[in-house]
Amino acid sequence: MYILAIERKAPQYPGLLLEDPSTPPDGPTGQVNYFTASDSKTRFKGKMFYAIMLDSCEDIHELSFAVFKELFSNQIIIE
């Protein structure tokens, strides 16, 4: 298991739904509960923390870890 943690300040130009604060739906147990995200496109004020985890079995460890590293090396941009 690998965990990558990132701490950053709020960006100068907000506008992503990634950090949209929301609470899970509260409903009766044993039934399907539907959740609809808000249309808010603002970010939290102050510092933000991300935790991204890779949990992979040994049979595909090398392949999955290579994809995990590629994601952070070339595909994700954290402002």
PDB file of N, CA and C in Angstrom:
ATOM      1  N   MET A   1       0.844  -1.164   0.000  1.00  0.00           N
ATOM      2  CA  MET A   1       0.000   0.000   0.000  1.00  0.00           C
ATOM      3  C   MET A   1       0.898   1.239   0.000  1.00  0.00           C
ATOM      4  N   TYR A   2       0.543   2.200  -0.831  1.00  0.00           N
ATOM      5  CA  TYR A   2       1.272   3.459  -0.905  1.00  0.00           C
ATOM      6  C   TYR A   2       0.284   4.595  -0.672  1.00  0.00           C
ATOM      7  N   ILE A   3       0.715   5.596   0.068  1.00  0.00           N
ATOM      8  CA  ILE A   3      -0.112   6.779   0.296  1.00  0.00           C
ATOM      9  C   ILE A   3       0.724   8.006  -0.012  1.00  0.00           C
ATOM     10  N   LEU A   4       0.183   8.868  -0.830  1.00  0.00           N
ATOM     11  CA  LEU A   4       0.828  10.128  -1.153  1.00  0.00           C
ATOM     12  C   LEU A   4      -0.004  11.224  -0.504  1.00  0.00           C
ATOM     13  N   ALA A   5       0.630  12.063   0.315  1.00  0.00           N
ATOM     14  CA  ALA A   5      -0.070  13.160   0.988  1.00  0.00           C
ATOM     15  C   ALA A   5       0.491  14.482   0.496  1.00  0.00           C
ATOM     16  N   ILE A   6      -0.412  15.426   0.262  1.00  0.00           N
ATOM     17  CA  ILE A   6      -0.024  16.729  -0.261  1.00  0.00           C
ATOM     18  C   ILE A   6      -0.708  17.809   0.565  1.00  0.00           C
ATOM     19  N   GLU A   7       0.047  18.834   0.923  1.00  0.00           N
ATOM     20  CA  GLU A   7      -0.504  19.995   1.616  1.00  0.00           C
ATOM     21  C   GLU A   7      -0.254  21.202   0.733  1.00  0.00           C
ATOM     22  N   ARG A   8      -1.261  22.045   0.588  1.00  0.00           N
ATOM     23  CA  ARG A   8      -1.077  23.247  -0.219  1.00  0.00           C
ATOM     24  C   ARG A   8      -1.985  24.364   0.257  1.00  0.00           C
ATOM     25  N   LYS A   9      -1.643  25.565  -0.117  1.00  0.00           N
ATOM     26  CA  LYS A   9      -2.469  26.725   0.199  1.00  0.00           C
ATOM     27  C   LYS A   9      -3.606  26.812  -0.820  1.00  0.00           C
ATOM     28  N   ALA A  10      -4.664  27.504  -0.466  1.00  0.00           N
ATOM     29  CA  ALA A  10      -5.760  27.728  -1.407  1.00  0.00           C
ATOM     30  C   ALA A  10      -5.224  28.494  -2.608  1.00  0.00           C
ATOM     31  N   PRO A  11      -5.650  28.144  -3.825  1.00  0.00           N
ATOM     32  CA  PRO A  11      -5.127  28.806  -5.019  1.00  0.00           C
ATOM     33  C   PRO A  11      -5.675  30.221  -5.180  1.00  0.00           C
ATOM     34  N   GLN A  12      -4.977  30.996  -5.949  1.00  0.00           N
ATOM     35  CA  GLN A  12      -5.408  32.360  -6.215  1.00  0.00           C
ATOM     36  C   GLN A  12      -6.690  32.372  -7.040  1.00  0.00           C
ATOM     37  N   TYR A  13      -6.832  31.413  -7.952  1.00  0.00           N
ATOM     38  CA  TYR A  13      -8.003  31.341  -8.828  1.00  0.00           C
ATOM     39  C   TYR A  13      -8.770  30.046  -8.561  1.00  0.00           C
ATOM     40  N   PRO A  14      -9.765  30.064  -7.689  1.00  0.00           N
ATOM     41  CA  PRO A  14     -10.521  28.854  -7.369  1.00  0.00           C
ATOM     42  C   PRO A  14     -11.437  28.462  -8.520  1.00  0.00           C
ATOM     43  N   GLY A  15     -12.038  27.293  -8.389  1.00  0.00           N
ATOM     44  CA  GLY A  15     -13.019  26.915  -9.399  1.00  0.00           C
ATOM     45  C   GLY A  15     -13.125  25.436  -9.672  1.00  0.00           C
ATOM     46  N   LEU A  16     -12.646  24.571  -8.802  1.00  0.00           N
ATOM     47  CA  LEU A  16     -12.761  23.137  -9.036  1.00  0.00           C
ATOM     48  C   LEU A  16     -13.777  22.513  -8.097  1.00  0.00           C
ATOM     49  N   LEU A  17     -14.447  21.475  -8.545  1.00  0.00           N
ATOM     50  CA  LEU A  17     -15.389  20.757  -7.700  1.00  0.00           C
ATOM     51  C   LEU A  17     -14.693  19.723  -6.830  1.00  0.00           C
ATOM     52  N   LEU A  18     -13.389  19.505  -7.041  1.00  0.00           N
ATOM     53  CA  LEU A  18     -12.660  18.493  -6.288  1.00  0.00           C
ATOM     54  C   LEU A  18     -12.767  18.701  -4.790  1.00  0.00           C
ATOM     55  N   GLU A  19     -12.765  19.935  -4.366  1.00  0.00           N
ATOM     56  CA  GLU A  19     -12.803  20.231  -2.938  1.00  0.00           C
ATOM     57  C   GLU A  19     -14.176  20.706  -2.479  1.00  0.00           C
ATOM     58  N   ASP A  20     -15.212  20.403  -3.197  1.00  0.00           N
ATOM     59  CA  ASP A  20     -16.558  20.853  -2.846  1.00  0.00           C
ATOM     60  C   ASP A  20     -17.003  20.207  -1.540  1.00  0.00           C
ATOM     61  N   PRO A  21     -17.220  20.997  -0.495  1.00  0.00           N
ATOM     62  CA  PRO A  21     -17.637  20.413   0.783  1.00  0.00           C
ATOM     63  C   PRO A  21     -19.069  19.897   0.700  1.00  0.00           C
ATOM     64  N   SER A  22     -19.290  18.712   1.191  1.00  0.00           N
ATOM     65  CA  SER A  22     -20.631  18.146   1.176  1.00  0.00           C
ATOM     66  C   SER A  22     -20.734  17.087   2.258  1.00  0.00           C
ATOM     67  N   THR A  23     -21.952  16.785   2.623  1.00  0.00           N
ATOM     68  CA  THR A  23     -22.188  15.733   3.611  1.00  0.00           C
ATOM     69  C   THR A  23     -22.924  14.586   2.935  1.00  0.00           C
ATOM     70  N   PRO A  24     -22.628  13.371   3.346  1.00  0.00           N
ATOM     71  CA  PRO A  24     -23.323  12.227   2.764  1.00  0.00           C
ATOM     72  C   PRO A  24     -24.812  12.287   3.086  1.00  0.00           C
ATOM     73  N   PRO A  25     -25.629  11.682   2.248  1.00  0.00           N
ATOM     74  CA  PRO A  25     -27.061  11.700   2.507  1.00  0.00           C
ATOM     75  C   PRO A  25     -27.394  10.934   3.784  1.00  0.00           C
ATOM     76  N   ASP A  26     -28.418  11.384   4.456  1.00  0.00           N
ATOM     77  CA  ASP A  26     -28.871  10.731   5.674  1.00  0.00           C
ATOM     78  C   ASP A  26     -30.261  10.181   5.402  1.00  0.00           C
ATOM     79  N   GLY A  27     -30.396   8.876   5.451  1.00  0.00           N
ATOM     80  CA  GLY A  27     -31.688   8.273   5.151  1.00  0.00           C
ATOM     81  C   GLY A  27     -31.831   6.948   5.856  1.00  0.00           C
ATOM     82  N   PRO A  28     -32.901   6.255   5.573  1.00  0.00           N
ATOM     83  CA  PRO A  28     -33.140   4.969   6.226  1.00  0.00           C
ATOM     84  C   PRO A  28     -32.072   3.939   5.833  1.00  0.00           C
ATOM     85  N   THR A  29     -31.699   3.103   6.777  1.00  0.00           N
ATOM     86  CA  THR A  29     -30.715   2.054   6.491  1.00  0.00           C
ATOM     87  C   THR A  29     -31.394   0.921   5.740  1.00  0.00           C
ATOM     88  N   GLY A  30     -30.600   0.167   5.000  1.00  0.00           N
ATOM     89  CA  GLY A  30     -31.123  -0.971   4.263  1.00  0.00           C
ATOM     90  C   GLY A  30     -31.779  -0.588   2.953  1.00  0.00           C
ATOM     91  N   GLN A  31     -31.700   0.675   2.565  1.00  0.00           N
ATOM     92  CA  GLN A  31     -32.279   1.132   1.307  1.00  0.00           C
ATOM     93  C   GLN A  31     -31.230   1.907   0.528  1.00  0.00           C
ATOM     94  N   VAL A  32     -31.437   2.016  -0.774  1.00  0.00           N
ATOM     95  CA  VAL A  32     -30.537   2.806  -1.599  1.00  0.00           C
ATOM     96  C   VAL A  32     -30.801   4.281  -1.321  1.00  0.00           C
ATOM     97  N   ASN A  33     -29.723   5.025  -1.020  1.00  0.00           N
ATOM     98  CA  ASN A  33     -29.827   6.464  -0.807  1.00  0.00           C
ATOM     99  C   ASN A  33     -29.060   7.160  -1.921  1.00  0.00           C
ATOM    100  N   TYR A  34     -29.678   8.113  -2.568  1.00  0.00           N
ATOM    101  CA  TYR A  34     -29.036   8.832  -3.658  1.00  0.00           C
ATOM    102  C   TYR A  34     -28.461  10.148  -3.157  1.00  0.00           C
ATOM    103  N   PHE A  35     -27.318  10.515  -3.682  1.00  0.00           N
ATOM    104  CA  PHE A  35     -26.640  11.735  -3.276  1.00  0.00           C
ATOM    105  C   PHE A  35     -26.376  12.581  -4.511  1.00  0.00           C
ATOM    106  N   THR A  36     -26.708  13.835  -4.451  1.00  0.00           N
ATOM    107  CA  THR A  36     -26.462  14.764  -5.549  1.00  0.00           C
ATOM    108  C   THR A  36     -25.506  15.839  -5.054  1.00  0.00           C
ATOM    109  N   ALA A  37     -24.413  15.991  -5.749  1.00  0.00           N
ATOM    110  CA  ALA A  37     -23.429  17.016  -5.374  1.00  0.00           C
ATOM    111  C   ALA A  37     -23.977  18.398  -5.698  1.00  0.00           C
ATOM    112  N   SER A  38     -23.512  19.380  -4.981  1.00  0.00           N
ATOM    113  CA  SER A  38     -23.965  20.757  -5.229  1.00  0.00           C
ATOM    114  C   SER A  38     -23.271  21.323  -6.461  1.00  0.00           C
ATOM    115  N   ASP A  39     -23.786  22.433  -6.952  1.00  0.00           N
ATOM    116  CA  ASP A  39     -23.188  23.099  -8.105  1.00  0.00           C
ATOM    117  C   ASP A  39     -22.116  24.102  -7.694  1.00  0.00           C
ATOM    118  N   SER A  40     -21.753  24.116  -6.430  1.00  0.00           N
ATOM    119  CA  SER A  40     -20.765  25.061  -5.928  1.00  0.00           C
ATOM    120  C   SER A  40     -19.408  24.803  -6.574  1.00  0.00           C
ATOM    121  N   LYS A  41     -18.758  25.875  -6.976  1.00  0.00           N
ATOM    122  CA  LYS A  41     -17.426  25.742  -7.566  1.00  0.00           C
ATOM    123  C   LYS A  41     -16.442  26.621  -6.831  1.00  0.00           C
ATOM    124  N   THR A  42     -16.460  26.536  -5.528  1.00  0.00           N
ATOM    125  CA  THR A  42     -15.515  27.296  -4.730  1.00  0.00           C
ATOM    126  C   THR A  42     -14.658  26.334  -3.940  1.00  0.00           C
ATOM    127  N   ARG A  43     -13.568  26.826  -3.427  1.00  0.00           N
ATOM    128  CA  ARG A  43     -12.667  25.980  -2.649  1.00  0.00           C
ATOM    129  C   ARG A  43     -12.704  26.383  -1.193  1.00  0.00           C
ATOM    130  N   PHE A  44     -12.213  25.485  -0.355  1.00  0.00           N
ATOM    131  CA  PHE A  44     -12.084  25.796   1.060  1.00  0.00           C
ATOM    132  C   PHE A  44     -11.114  26.948   1.247  1.00  0.00           C
ATOM    133  N   LYS A  45     -11.290  27.691   2.285  1.00  0.00           N
ATOM    134  CA  LYS A  45     -10.341  28.746   2.637  1.00  0.00           C
ATOM    135  C   LYS A  45      -9.203  28.133   3.445  1.00  0.00           C
ATOM    136  N   GLY A  46      -8.002  28.643   3.289  1.00  0.00           N
ATOM    137  CA  GLY A  46      -6.866  28.158   4.056  1.00  0.00           C
ATOM    138  C   GLY A  46      -6.174  26.982   3.394  1.00  0.00           C
ATOM    139  N   LYS A  47      -5.453  26.204   4.163  1.00  0.00           N
ATOM    140  CA  LYS A  47      -4.691  25.070   3.637  1.00  0.00           C
ATOM    141  C   LYS A  47      -5.605  23.919   3.232  1.00  0.00           C
ATOM    142  N   MET A  48      -5.152  23.188   2.222  1.00  0.00           N
ATOM    143  CA  MET A  48      -5.889  22.026   1.738  1.00  0.00           C
ATOM    144  C   MET A  48      -4.962  20.820   1.836  1.00  0.00           C
ATOM    145  N   PHE A  49      -5.551  19.663   2.100  1.00  0.00           N
ATOM    146  CA  PHE A  49      -4.783  18.432   2.245  1.00  0.00           C
ATOM    147  C   PHE A  49      -5.394  17.359   1.348  1.00  0.00           C
ATOM    148  N   TYR A  50      -4.540  16.683   0.613  1.00  0.00           N
ATOM    149  CA  TYR A  50      -4.958  15.585  -0.242  1.00  0.00           C
ATOM    150  C   TYR A  50      -4.271  14.322   0.256  1.00  0.00           C
ATOM    151  N   ALA A  51      -4.967  13.208   0.225  1.00  0.00           N
ATOM    152  CA  ALA A  51      -4.359  11.903   0.505  1.00  0.00           C
ATOM    153  C   ALA A  51      -4.822  10.964  -0.601  1.00  0.00           C
ATOM    154  N   ILE A  52      -3.874  10.429  -1.350  1.00  0.00           N
ATOM    155  CA  ILE A  52      -4.188   9.548  -2.466  1.00  0.00           C
ATOM    156  C   ILE A  52      -3.504   8.215  -2.205  1.00  0.00           C
ATOM    157  N   MET A  53      -4.277   7.139  -2.258  1.00  0.00           N
ATOM    158  CA  MET A  53      -3.769   5.833  -1.848  1.00  0.00           C
ATOM    159  C   MET A  53      -3.829   4.836  -3.005  1.00  0.00           C
ATOM    160  N   LEU A  54      -2.801   4.022  -3.095  1.00  0.00           N
ATOM    161  CA  LEU A  54      -2.794   2.873  -3.996  1.00  0.00           C
ATOM    162  C   LEU A  54      -2.761   1.629  -3.128  1.00  0.00           C
ATOM    163  N   ASP A  55      -3.768   0.798  -3.275  1.00  0.00           N
ATOM    164  CA  ASP A  55      -3.832  -0.478  -2.569  1.00  0.00           C
ATOM    165  C   ASP A  55      -3.926  -1.549  -3.643  1.00  0.00           C
ATOM    166  N   SER A  56      -2.856  -2.298  -3.838  1.00  0.00           N
ATOM    167  CA  SER A  56      -2.775  -3.237  -4.949  1.00  0.00           C
ATOM    168  C   SER A  56      -2.289  -4.598  -4.462  1.00  0.00           C
ATOM    169  N   CYS A  57      -2.763  -5.645  -5.097  1.00  0.00           N
ATOM    170  CA  CYS A  57      -2.308  -6.986  -4.718  1.00  0.00           C
ATOM    171  C   CYS A  57      -0.935  -7.270  -5.336  1.00  0.00           C
ATOM    172  N   GLU A  58      -0.252  -8.276  -4.804  1.00  0.00           N
ATOM    173  CA  GLU A  58       1.109  -8.589  -5.255  1.00  0.00           C
ATOM    174  C   GLU A  58       1.160  -9.034  -6.712  1.00  0.00           C
ATOM    175  N   ASP A  59       0.085  -9.647  -7.206  1.00  0.00           N
ATOM    176  CA  ASP A  59       0.087 -10.155  -8.583  1.00  0.00           C
ATOM    177  C   ASP A  59       0.235  -9.051  -9.626  1.00  0.00           C
ATOM    178  N   ILE A  60      -0.249  -7.866  -9.318  1.00  0.00           N
ATOM    179  CA  ILE A  60      -0.170  -6.766 -10.280  1.00  0.00           C
ATOM    180  C   ILE A  60       0.588  -5.566  -9.712  1.00  0.00           C
ATOM    181  N   HIS A  61       1.374  -5.792  -8.677  1.00  0.00           N
ATOM    182  CA  HIS A  61       2.056  -4.690  -7.993  1.00  0.00           C
ATOM    183  C   HIS A  61       2.905  -3.844  -8.931  1.00  0.00           C
ATOM    184  N   GLU A  62       3.760  -4.465  -9.713  1.00  0.00           N
ATOM    185  CA  GLU A  62       4.674  -3.701 -10.572  1.00  0.00           C
ATOM    186  C   GLU A  62       3.908  -2.841 -11.571  1.00  0.00           C
ATOM    187  N   LEU A  63       2.884  -3.410 -12.190  1.00  0.00           N
ATOM    188  CA  LEU A  63       2.094  -2.667 -13.174  1.00  0.00           C
ATOM    189  C   LEU A  63       1.307  -1.536 -12.512  1.00  0.00           C
ATOM    190  N   SER A  64       0.639  -1.827 -11.409  1.00  0.00           N
ATOM    191  CA  SER A  64      -0.170  -0.798 -10.759  1.00  0.00           C
ATOM    192  C   SER A  64       0.697   0.316 -10.168  1.00  0.00           C
ATOM    193  N   PHE A  65       1.853  -0.030  -9.621  1.00  0.00           N
ATOM    194  CA  PHE A  65       2.742   0.994  -9.068  1.00  0.00           C
ATOM    195  C   PHE A  65       3.301   1.876 -10.180  1.00  0.00           C
ATOM    196  N   ALA A  66       3.589   1.290 -11.335  1.00  0.00           N
ATOM    197  CA  ALA A  66       4.072   2.083 -12.474  1.00  0.00           C
ATOM    198  C   ALA A  66       3.009   3.088 -12.916  1.00  0.00           C
ATOM    199  N   VAL A  67       1.752   2.679 -12.938  1.00  0.00           N
ATOM    200  CA  VAL A  67       0.656   3.584 -13.295  1.00  0.00           C
ATOM    201  C   VAL A  67       0.514   4.673 -12.237  1.00  0.00           C
ATOM    202  N   PHE A  68       0.626   4.307 -10.971  1.00  0.00           N
ATOM    203  CA  PHE A  68       0.541   5.263  -9.859  1.00  0.00           C
ATOM    204  C   PHE A  68       1.632   6.337  -9.985  1.00  0.00           C
ATOM    205  N   LYS A  69       2.867   5.917 -10.261  1.00  0.00           N
ATOM    206  CA  LYS A  69       3.972   6.870 -10.420  1.00  0.00           C
ATOM    207  C   LYS A  69       3.774   7.750 -11.650  1.00  0.00           C
ATOM    208  N   GLU A  70       3.296   7.167 -12.729  1.00  0.00           N
ATOM    209  CA  GLU A  70       3.051   7.928 -13.960  1.00  0.00           C
ATOM    210  C   GLU A  70       1.990   9.005 -13.726  1.00  0.00           C
ATOM    211  N   LEU A  71       0.993   8.680 -12.947  1.00  0.00           N
ATOM    212  CA  LEU A  71      -0.063   9.633 -12.627  1.00  0.00           C
ATOM    213  C   LEU A  71       0.514  10.898 -12.010  1.00  0.00           C
ATOM    214  N   PHE A  72       1.425  10.755 -11.052  1.00  0.00           N
ATOM    215  CA  PHE A  72       1.984  11.915 -10.366  1.00  0.00           C
ATOM    216  C   PHE A  72       3.146  12.544 -11.111  1.00  0.00           C
ATOM    217  N   SER A  73       3.804  11.795 -11.964  1.00  0.00           N
ATOM    218  CA  SER A  73       4.925  12.362 -12.720  1.00  0.00           C
ATOM    219  C   SER A  73       4.461  13.165 -13.920  1.00  0.00           C
ATOM    220  N   ASN A  74       3.387  12.703 -14.581  1.00  0.00           N
ATOM    221  CA  ASN A  74       3.047  13.308 -15.871  1.00  0.00           C
ATOM    222  C   ASN A  74       1.580  13.661 -16.083  1.00  0.00           C
ATOM    223  N   GLN A  75       0.688  13.263 -15.180  1.00  0.00           N
ATOM    224  CA  GLN A  75      -0.722  13.461 -15.484  1.00  0.00           C
ATOM    225  C   GLN A  75      -1.456  14.395 -14.543  1.00  0.00           C
ATOM    226  N   ILE A  76      -1.061  14.478 -13.302  1.00  0.00           N
ATOM    227  CA  ILE A  76      -1.738  15.355 -12.342  1.00  0.00           C
ATOM    228  C   ILE A  76      -0.902  16.613 -12.149  1.00  0.00           C
ATOM    229  N   ILE A  77      -1.569  17.747 -12.201  1.00  0.00           N
ATOM    230  CA  ILE A  77      -0.914  19.013 -11.906  1.00  0.00           C
ATOM    231  C   ILE A  77      -1.570  19.579 -10.675  1.00  0.00           C
ATOM    232  N   ILE A  78      -0.799  19.761  -9.627  1.00  0.00           N
ATOM    233  CA  ILE A  78      -1.312  20.367  -8.398  1.00  0.00           C
ATOM    234  C   ILE A  78      -0.716  21.766  -8.338  1.00  0.00           C
ATOM    235  N   GLU A  79      -1.595  22.746  -8.451  1.00  0.00           N
ATOM    236  CA  GLU A  79      -1.175  24.155  -8.555  1.00  0.00           C
ATOM    237  C   GLU A  79      -0.311  24.573  -7.399  1.00  0.00           C
TER     238      GLU A  79
END
